[in-house]
C-alpha atoms as a PDB file:
ATOM      1  CA  MET A   1      81.134-104.453  87.230  1.00  0.00           C
ATOM      2  CA  THR A   2      77.520-103.913  88.245  1.00  0.00           C
ATOM      3  CA  LEU A   3      74.824-102.254  86.137  1.00  0.00           C
ATOM      4  CA  ILE A   4      71.548-101.373  87.815  1.00  0.00           C
ATOM      5  CA  CYS A   5      68.241-100.314  86.319  1.00  0.00           C
ATOM      6  CA  GLY A   6      64.563-101.046  86.799  1.00  0.00           C
ATOM      7  CA  ASP A   7      62.583-103.527  84.720  1.00  0.00           C
ATOM      8  CA  ASN A   8      60.249-100.878  83.293  1.00  0.00           C
ATOM      9  CA  TYR A   9      63.166 -98.611  82.367  1.00  0.00           C
ATOM     10  CA  ALA A  10      64.926-101.496  80.625  1.00  0.00           C
ATOM     11  CA  VAL A  11      61.885-102.294  78.491  1.00  0.00           C
ATOM     12  CA  GLU A  12      60.981 -98.665  77.720  1.00  0.00           C
ATOM     13  CA  ASN A  13      64.578 -97.596  76.902  1.00  0.00           C
ATOM     14  CA  GLN A  14      65.890-100.841  75.488  1.00  0.00           C
ATOM     15  CA  GLU A  15      67.966 -99.503  72.581  1.00  0.00           C
ATOM     16  CA  SER A  16      69.822 -96.802  74.519  1.00  0.00           C
ATOM     17  CA  LEU A  17      70.297 -99.075  77.548  1.00  0.00           C
ATOM     18  CA  ILE A  18      71.782-101.875  75.439  1.00  0.00           C
ATOM     19  CA  ALA A  19      74.100 -99.486  73.583  1.00  0.00           C
ATOM     20  CA  ALA A  20      75.410 -97.996  76.844  1.00  0.00           C
ATOM     21  CA  ALA A  21      75.748-101.380  78.524  1.00  0.00           C
ATOM     22  CA  LEU A  22      77.570-102.950  75.563  1.00  0.00           C
ATOM     23  CA  GLU A  23      80.086-100.119  75.671  1.00  0.00           C
ATOM     24  CA  LYS A  24      80.735-100.764  79.369  1.00  0.00           C
ATOM     25  CA  PHE A  25      80.947-104.548  78.891  1.00  0.00           C
ATOM     26  CA  ALA A  26      83.363-104.147  75.984  1.00  0.00           C
ATOM     27  CA  ARG A  27      85.692-102.016  78.137  1.00  0.00           C
ATOM     28  CA  ALA A  28      85.460-104.214  81.246  1.00  0.00           C
ATOM     29  CA  ARG A  29      85.628-107.610  79.430  1.00  0.00           C
ATOM     30  CA  PRO A  30      84.097-109.680  82.260  1.00  0.00           C
ATOM     31  CA  ILE A  31      84.223-113.474  81.968  1.00  0.00           C
ATOM     32  CA  CYS A  32      80.422-113.756  82.116  1.00  0.00           C
ATOM     33  CA  SER A  33      77.238-111.747  82.488  1.00  0.00           C
ATOM     34  CA  SER A  34      74.695-112.577  85.173  1.00  0.00           C
ATOM     35  CA  PRO A  35      71.333-110.805  84.954  1.00  0.00           C
ATOM     36  CA  ASP A  36      69.266-110.889  88.147  1.00  0.00           C
ATOM     37  CA  PRO A  37      67.099-113.981  88.555  1.00  0.00           C
ATOM     38  CA  VAL A  38      63.715-113.846  86.875  1.00  0.00           C
ATOM     39  CA  PHE A  39      60.828-115.384  88.754  1.00  0.00           C
ATOM     40  CA  TRP A  40      57.249-114.815  87.644  1.00  0.00           C
ATOM     41  CA  PRO A  41      55.642-113.017  85.699  1.00  0.00           C
ATOM     42  CA  GLY A  42      57.400-113.394  82.364  1.00  0.00           C
ATOM     43  CA  ASP A  43      57.507-109.653  81.635  1.00  0.00           C
ATOM     44  CA  MET A  44      60.551-109.308  83.878  1.00  0.00           C
ATOM     45  CA  ALA A  45      62.563-111.387  81.416  1.00  0.00           C
ATOM     46  CA  ARG A  46      62.144-108.980  78.488  1.00  0.00           C
ATOM     47  CA  GLY A  47      64.636-106.286  79.476  1.00  0.00           C
ATOM     48  CA  ARG A  48      67.135-108.687  80.998  1.00  0.00           C
ATOM     49  CA  GLY A  49      66.764-111.008  78.051  1.00  0.00           C
ATOM     50  CA  ALA A  50      67.390-108.344  75.453  1.00  0.00           C
ATOM     51  CA  LEU A  51      70.492-107.101  77.255  1.00  0.00           C
ATOM     52  CA  GLY A  52      71.892-110.558  77.995  1.00  0.00           C
ATOM     53  CA  SER A  53      71.350-111.667  74.408  1.00  0.00           C
ATOM     54  CA  ALA A  54      73.130-108.580  73.079  1.00  0.00           C
ATOM     55  CA  VAL A  55      76.076-109.075  75.439  1.00  0.00           C
ATOM     56  CA  GLN A  56      76.431-112.707  74.421  1.00  0.00           C
ATOM     57  CA  SER A  57      75.894-112.332  70.669  1.00  0.00           C
ATOM     58  CA  GLN A  58      77.708-109.029  70.075  1.00  0.00           C
ATOM     59  CA  ILE A  59      80.600-109.267  72.538  1.00  0.00           C
ATOM     60  CA  GLY A  60      80.805-113.032  73.106  1.00  0.00           C
ATOM     61  CA  ILE A  61      80.429-112.965  76.885  1.00  0.00           C
ATOM     62  CA  PRO A  62      78.424-115.983  78.173  1.00  0.00           C
ATOM     63  CA  VAL A  63      75.237-115.362  80.169  1.00  0.00           C
ATOM     64  CA  VAL A  64      74.479-117.181  83.435  1.00  0.00           C
ATOM     65  CA  THR A  65      71.207-116.485  85.235  1.00  0.00           C
ATOM     66  CA  GLY A  66      68.319-117.931  87.199  1.00  0.00           C
ATOM     67  CA  MET A  67      64.791-118.186  85.819  1.00  0.00           C
ATOM     68  CA  ALA A  68      61.710-119.946  87.030  1.00  0.00           C
ATOM     69  CA  ARG A  69      61.116-123.017  84.904  1.00  0.00           C
ATOM     70  CA  GLU A  70      57.570-121.745  84.203  1.00  0.00           C
ATOM     71  CA  ASN A  71      58.826-118.382  82.969  1.00  0.00           C
ATOM     72  CA  PRO A  72      58.446-118.153  79.165  1.00  0.00           C
ATOM     73  CA  GLY A  73      61.879-116.529  78.979  1.00  0.00           C
ATOM     74  CA  ALA A  74      63.589-119.683  80.262  1.00  0.00           C
ATOM     75  CA  ASP A  75      62.860-121.629  77.071  1.00  0.00           C
ATOM     76  CA  LEU A  76      63.502-118.616  74.854  1.00  0.00           C
ATOM     77  CA  TYR A  77      66.934-117.769  76.260  1.00  0.00           C
ATOM     78  CA  ARG A  78      68.006-121.374  76.747  1.00  0.00           C
ATOM     79  CA  ARG A  79      67.812-121.620  72.931  1.00  0.00           C
ATOM     80  CA  ASN A  80      70.311-118.736  72.837  1.00  0.00           C
ATOM     81  CA  ARG A  81      72.699-120.975  74.796  1.00  0.00           C
ATOM     82  CA  TRP A  82      72.381-119.178  78.115  1.00  0.00           C
ATOM     83  CA  TYR A  83      73.225-121.098  81.282  1.00  0.00           C
ATOM     84  CA  ILE A  84      69.934-121.028  83.199  1.00  0.00           C
ATOM     85  CA  ILE A  85      69.414-122.350  86.708  1.00  0.00           C
ATOM     86  CA  ASP A  86      65.815-122.955  87.837  1.00  0.00           C
ATOM     87  CA  SER A  87      65.348-120.176  90.402  1.00  0.00           C
ATOM     88  CA  GLY A  88      61.829-121.195  91.405  1.00  0.00           C
ATOM     89  CA  ASP A  89      58.882-118.846  91.323  1.00  0.00           C
ATOM     90  CA  SER A  90      59.952-116.482  94.126  1.00  0.00           C
ATOM     91  CA  ALA A  91      63.048-114.960  95.692  1.00  0.00           C
ATOM     92  CA  ALA A  92      62.236-116.853  98.890  1.00  0.00           C
ATOM     93  CA  ARG A  93      63.710-120.020  97.310  1.00  0.00           C
ATOM     94  CA  MET A  94      67.012-118.486  96.200  1.00  0.00           C
ATOM     95  CA  ARG A  95      69.067-119.626  99.220  1.00  0.00           C
ATOM     96  CA  ASP A  96      68.084-123.269  98.581  1.00  0.00           C
ATOM     97  CA  VAL A  97      68.594-122.902  94.814  1.00  0.00           C
ATOM     98  CA  LEU A  98      72.099-121.466  95.221  1.00  0.00           C
ATOM     99  CA  GLU A  99      73.068-124.090  97.777  1.00  0.00           C
ATOM    100  CA  ARG A 100      71.940-126.944  95.488  1.00  0.00           C
ATOM    101  CA  TRP A 101      73.796-125.344  92.570  1.00  0.00           C
ATOM    102  CA  ARG A 102      76.975-124.922  94.648  1.00  0.00           C
ATOM    103  CA  ILE A 103      76.867-128.567  95.745  1.00  0.00           C
ATOM    104  CA  SER A 104      76.228-129.842  92.205  1.00  0.00           C
ATOM    105  CA  ARG A 105      79.135-127.769  90.844  1.00  0.00           C
ATOM    106  CA  SER A 106      81.553-129.156  93.459  1.00  0.00           C
ATOM    107  CA  ASN A 107      80.818-132.811  92.571  1.00  0.00           C
END
């Protein structure tokens, strides 16, 4: 299942977006939720964070995502028991990040 929306839309329409998304997640029952990686600035984490937190707390589906270590959302959502991989501060690093994560998971 894939849900797509823009960062600004997610922040400006947070309540209706979360309600609609929770309904879809509840029907689909995926094994985890993976919001897009969040680099910098921290504002990008707000919409994804609100949705991921709702999915995890209200439906019990774990959240796995990438966030730059410097992003304020990384500390905030780690406290909510999200699985967060350091994605670096730009999408240009994602290939290396995913390769390191794949190797660490196979050991």
